[in-house]
Protein backbone atom coordinates (compact mmCIF):
# COMPACT_ATOMS: atom_id res chain seq x y z
CA MET A 1 -44.19 10.27 -52.31
CA LYS A 2 -45.83 11.53 -55.48
CA ALA A 3 -45.20 9.92 -58.86
CA MET A 4 -45.26 11.06 -62.46
CA ILE A 5 -46.01 8.90 -65.48
CA LEU A 6 -44.55 10.20 -68.75
CA ALA A 7 -47.29 9.85 -71.34
CA ALA A 8 -46.84 12.68 -73.86
CA GLY A 9 -44.87 10.89 -76.58
CA ARG A 10 -46.15 10.07 -80.05
CA GLY A 11 -45.13 6.40 -80.25
CA GLU A 12 -44.03 6.47 -83.89
CA ARG A 13 -42.69 2.91 -83.94
CA LEU A 14 -46.01 1.47 -82.78
CA ARG A 15 -48.02 2.99 -85.59
CA PRO A 16 -50.73 2.39 -86.74
CA LEU A 17 -51.83 1.52 -83.18
CA THR A 18 -50.74 4.93 -81.94
CA ASP A 19 -52.47 6.82 -84.73
CA THR A 20 -55.69 6.63 -82.73
CA ILE A 21 -54.59 6.23 -79.09
CA PRO A 22 -51.71 7.52 -76.96
CA LYS A 23 -48.94 4.98 -76.56
CA PRO A 24 -49.56 4.36 -72.82
CA LEU A 25 -53.11 3.23 -73.67
CA VAL A 26 -51.80 0.41 -75.86
CA GLN A 27 -53.03 -2.82 -74.33
CA ALA A 28 -51.12 -5.91 -73.27
CA ALA A 29 -53.20 -8.93 -72.23
CA GLY A 30 -56.36 -6.83 -72.18
CA LYS A 31 -55.08 -3.96 -70.02
CA SER A 32 -53.33 -0.75 -71.01
CA LEU A 33 -49.71 -0.17 -70.05
CA ILE A 34 -50.59 2.86 -67.96
CA GLU A 35 -53.26 0.98 -66.03
CA TYR A 36 -50.62 -1.56 -64.96
CA HIS A 37 -48.53 1.37 -63.73
CA LEU A 38 -51.35 2.96 -61.76
CA GLU A 39 -52.21 -0.30 -60.03
CA LYS A 40 -48.57 -0.92 -59.11
CA LEU A 41 -48.04 2.64 -57.91
CA ALA A 42 -51.03 2.27 -55.60
CA ALA A 43 -49.64 -1.05 -54.37
CA ILE A 44 -46.38 0.57 -53.22
CA GLY A 45 -48.20 3.36 -51.42
CA VAL A 46 -48.31 6.18 -53.97
CA ARG A 47 -51.52 8.16 -53.68
CA GLU A 48 -50.97 11.12 -56.03
CA VAL A 49 -49.92 10.70 -59.66
CA VAL A 50 -49.15 13.35 -62.27
CA ILE A 51 -49.56 12.34 -65.92
CA ASN A 52 -48.27 14.59 -68.70
CA THR A 53 -50.15 14.55 -71.98
CA ALA A 54 -49.70 15.81 -75.53
CA TRP A 55 -50.59 13.48 -78.40
CA LEU A 56 -54.29 12.55 -78.03
CA GLY A 57 -54.04 13.48 -74.37
CA HIS A 58 -57.80 13.87 -74.02
CA LYS A 59 -58.13 10.11 -74.43
CA LEU A 60 -55.96 9.55 -71.35
CA VAL A 61 -58.23 11.85 -69.35
CA GLU A 62 -61.38 10.17 -70.69
CA THR A 63 -60.04 6.69 -69.93
CA LEU A 64 -58.36 7.21 -66.56
CA GLU A 65 -60.52 10.07 -65.22
CA ASP A 66 -59.48 11.12 -61.70
CA GLY A 67 -57.77 7.80 -60.91
CA ARG A 68 -60.12 6.88 -58.10
CA ARG A 69 -60.78 3.37 -59.34
CA PHE A 70 -57.05 2.65 -59.24
CA GLY A 71 -56.69 3.91 -55.67
CA VAL A 72 -54.85 7.13 -56.62
CA THR A 73 -55.62 10.75 -57.44
CA ILE A 74 -54.50 11.79 -60.93
CA HIS A 75 -53.43 15.31 -61.86
CA TYR A 76 -52.79 16.09 -65.54
CA SER A 77 -50.04 18.29 -66.96
CA HIS A 78 -51.09 19.18 -70.51
CA GLU A 79 -48.47 20.08 -73.13
CA ASP A 80 -49.34 21.69 -76.46
CA GLU A 81 -46.54 19.63 -77.97
CA ALA A 82 -44.37 17.03 -76.26
CA LEU A 83 -41.61 18.74 -74.28
CA GLU A 84 -39.39 15.64 -73.99
CA THR A 85 -38.67 14.08 -70.62
CA ALA A 86 -36.90 16.85 -68.68
CA GLY A 87 -39.07 19.57 -70.22
CA GLY A 88 -42.23 17.69 -69.32
CA ILE A 89 -41.07 17.14 -65.74
CA LEU A 90 -40.13 20.82 -65.43
CA LYS A 91 -43.60 21.90 -66.55
CA ALA A 92 -45.19 19.50 -64.03
CA LEU A 93 -43.11 20.64 -61.02
CA PRO A 94 -45.92 22.82 -59.59
CA LEU A 95 -48.03 19.65 -59.34
CA LEU A 96 -45.18 17.52 -57.96
CA GLY A 97 -44.15 19.80 -55.10
CA ASP A 98 -40.83 20.30 -53.32
CA ALA A 99 -40.07 16.73 -52.22
CA PRO A 100 -38.38 13.98 -54.29
CA PHE A 101 -40.75 12.15 -56.61
CA LEU A 102 -40.85 8.96 -58.64
CA VAL A 103 -41.02 9.06 -62.45
CA VAL A 104 -42.02 6.11 -64.63
CA ASN A 105 -42.02 5.99 -68.43
CA GLY A 106 -45.52 5.31 -69.69
CA ASP A 107 -44.35 3.02 -72.50
CA ILE A 108 -42.65 0.30 -70.44
CA TYR A 109 -43.86 -2.76 -68.60
CA ILE A 110 -42.21 -4.02 -65.44
CA ASP A 111 -43.36 -6.79 -63.11
CA THR A 112 -42.77 -4.90 -59.87
CA LEU A 113 -41.98 -1.26 -59.14
CA PRO A 114 -39.21 -0.49 -56.62
CA ARG A 115 -40.19 0.02 -53.01
CA LEU A 116 -40.10 3.65 -51.96
CA ALA A 117 -39.44 3.22 -48.23
CA PRO A 118 -35.73 4.14 -48.43
CA SER A 119 -36.25 7.05 -50.84
CA PRO A 120 -35.26 9.86 -48.41
CA GLU A 121 -31.91 8.15 -47.87
CA LEU A 122 -31.49 7.53 -51.59
CA LEU A 123 -31.51 11.27 -52.25
CA SER A 124 -29.60 12.38 -49.18
CA GLY A 125 -26.73 14.86 -49.39
CA ASP A 126 -26.04 16.24 -52.85
CA THR A 127 -27.77 13.45 -54.76
CA LEU A 128 -30.17 14.77 -57.41
CA ALA A 129 -31.47 11.49 -58.82
CA HIS A 130 -31.52 7.76 -58.19
CA LEU A 131 -32.07 5.68 -61.33
CA TYR A 132 -33.03 2.05 -61.64
CA MET A 133 -30.90 0.19 -64.16
CA VAL A 134 -31.71 -3.10 -65.89
CA ASP A 135 -29.75 -5.63 -67.92
CA ASN A 136 -29.23 -4.55 -71.52
CA PRO A 137 -32.01 -5.82 -73.81
CA PRO A 138 -31.23 -7.18 -77.29
CA GLN A 139 -32.25 -3.90 -78.97
CA HIS A 140 -29.89 -1.86 -76.76
CA PRO A 141 -26.81 -4.03 -76.11
CA GLN A 142 -24.44 -1.12 -75.48
CA GLY A 143 -26.37 0.10 -72.43
CA ASP A 144 -26.56 3.68 -71.13
CA PHE A 145 -24.51 4.22 -67.98
CA ALA A 146 -21.93 2.44 -65.87
CA LEU A 147 -22.63 1.79 -62.19
CA GLU A 148 -19.70 2.13 -59.80
CA GLN A 149 -20.44 1.63 -56.10
CA GLY A 150 -23.87 3.17 -56.44
CA ILE A 151 -22.73 6.11 -58.56
CA LEU A 152 -23.79 6.36 -62.21
CA CYS A 153 -21.13 7.31 -64.75
CA ALA A 154 -21.44 8.24 -68.40
CA GLU A 155 -18.26 6.27 -69.15
CA GLY A 156 -17.03 2.92 -67.93
CA SER A 157 -18.03 -0.71 -68.17
CA PRO A 158 -20.06 -2.72 -67.86
CA LYS A 159 -22.94 -0.47 -68.76
CA PHE A 160 -26.57 -1.07 -67.90
CA THR A 161 -29.76 0.24 -69.50
CA PHE A 162 -31.82 2.93 -67.82
CA SER A 163 -35.22 1.41 -67.09
CA GLY A 164 -37.15 4.67 -67.39
CA ILE A 165 -37.81 4.53 -63.62
CA GLY A 166 -36.13 7.00 -61.28
CA ILE A 167 -36.49 9.13 -58.19
CA TYR A 168 -35.66 12.81 -58.75
CA HIS A 169 -35.14 15.87 -56.62
CA PRO A 170 -36.94 18.94 -58.03
CA ALA A 171 -33.65 20.87 -57.87
CA LEU A 172 -32.39 18.82 -60.82
CA PHE A 173 -34.81 20.63 -63.14
CA ARG A 174 -35.26 24.10 -61.67
CA ALA A 175 -32.32 25.69 -63.50
CA LEU A 176 -33.89 24.85 -66.88
CA ALA A 177 -35.78 27.42 -68.90
CA PRO A 178 -39.33 26.41 -69.86
CA GLY A 179 -39.43 24.44 -73.11
CA ARG A 180 -38.18 21.20 -74.63
CA HIS A 181 -35.37 19.45 -72.79
CA ALA A 182 -34.08 15.89 -73.04
CA LEU A 183 -33.18 14.10 -69.82
CA GLY A 184 -29.93 12.45 -70.95
CA PRO A 185 -27.76 15.57 -71.24
CA LEU A 186 -29.01 16.84 -67.88
CA LEU A 187 -28.11 13.57 -66.17
CA ARG A 188 -24.69 13.42 -67.80
CA GLN A 189 -23.96 16.98 -66.69
CA HIS A 190 -24.47 16.04 -63.04
CA MET A 191 -22.79 12.64 -63.34
CA LYS A 192 -19.52 14.53 -63.69
CA ASN A 193 -19.71 15.54 -60.04
CA GLY A 194 -21.18 12.27 -58.72
CA ARG A 195 -24.67 13.58 -58.02
CA ILE A 196 -26.59 10.86 -59.91
CA ARG A 197 -26.86 7.54 -58.10
CA GLY A 198 -28.38 4.24 -59.18
CA GLU A 199 -28.87 0.57 -58.58
CA HIS A 200 -29.31 -2.59 -60.61
CA PHE A 201 -32.98 -3.60 -60.64
CA ASP A 202 -33.47 -7.30 -61.28
CA GLN A 203 -37.03 -7.47 -62.57
CA TYR A 204 -38.66 -8.44 -65.84
CA TRP A 205 -38.73 -5.24 -67.87
CA CYS A 206 -39.91 -4.50 -71.40
CA ASP A 207 -39.57 -1.31 -73.42
CA VAL A 208 -42.76 -1.66 -75.47
CA GLY A 209 -41.36 0.25 -78.43
CA THR A 210 -42.31 -1.98 -81.36
CA SER A 211 -45.14 -4.28 -82.34
CA GLU A 212 -42.77 -7.25 -82.00
CA ARG A 213 -42.00 -6.39 -78.37
CA LEU A 214 -45.69 -5.81 -77.68
CA ASP A 215 -46.47 -9.26 -79.11
CA ALA A 216 -43.78 -10.83 -76.91
CA LEU A 217 -45.18 -9.08 -73.83
CA ASN A 218 -48.70 -10.28 -74.67
CA GLN A 219 -47.47 -13.86 -74.96
CA ARG A 220 -45.66 -13.61 -71.62
CA LEU A 221 -48.61 -12.13 -69.75
CA MET A 222 -51.06 -14.63 -71.22
CA ALA A 223 -48.89 -17.66 -70.56
CA PRO A 224 -50.30 -20.16 -68.03
CA GLY A 225 -49.31 -19.35 -64.47
CA VAL A 226 -48.46 -15.70 -65.10
């Protein structure tokens, strides 16, 4: 299975750090967020990774190169301006191919990525996406979607928070016109007919969206025994 790391965003809330580097190159415990991802993708058997770029994207290419030292091959999907999540994935589809693929937000940290062995079954039938949901963090207590017997719903309770990790079928995006598209409305559209599945993912997860959260992640990773 191929994977895509979303790395085109500006990272406004992490300024001034992100004035000079793309957000996924922000470091935690001496290693950039995207390097953690590449190592963990290789560990679960991913060999080809697509990275989309916009803001200071050349620095991602200069830093990561072809991915060989991480055990993967990197392909880059360059955007003149960030196309948001669904728009960026749509633009990258020629690099991702016709099979389901894994997508990971470039601005999160998670201890362990989900295993991909059951992925063909996860997207069997009419399923267009399988999302990994985590417990609601303090900054997002209301959550995103409810999970009912493996089906994600826009309404209902309790709600969980979307981790930014999901497996997608290319068909989810192919009806979109080229350009900027957010992922949320697209998912909600297909939740109405039960085509978006999910599961609760019980791993340490951090949305590294502010300097305070970055500091907390640094402290955790540098703690003895971690």
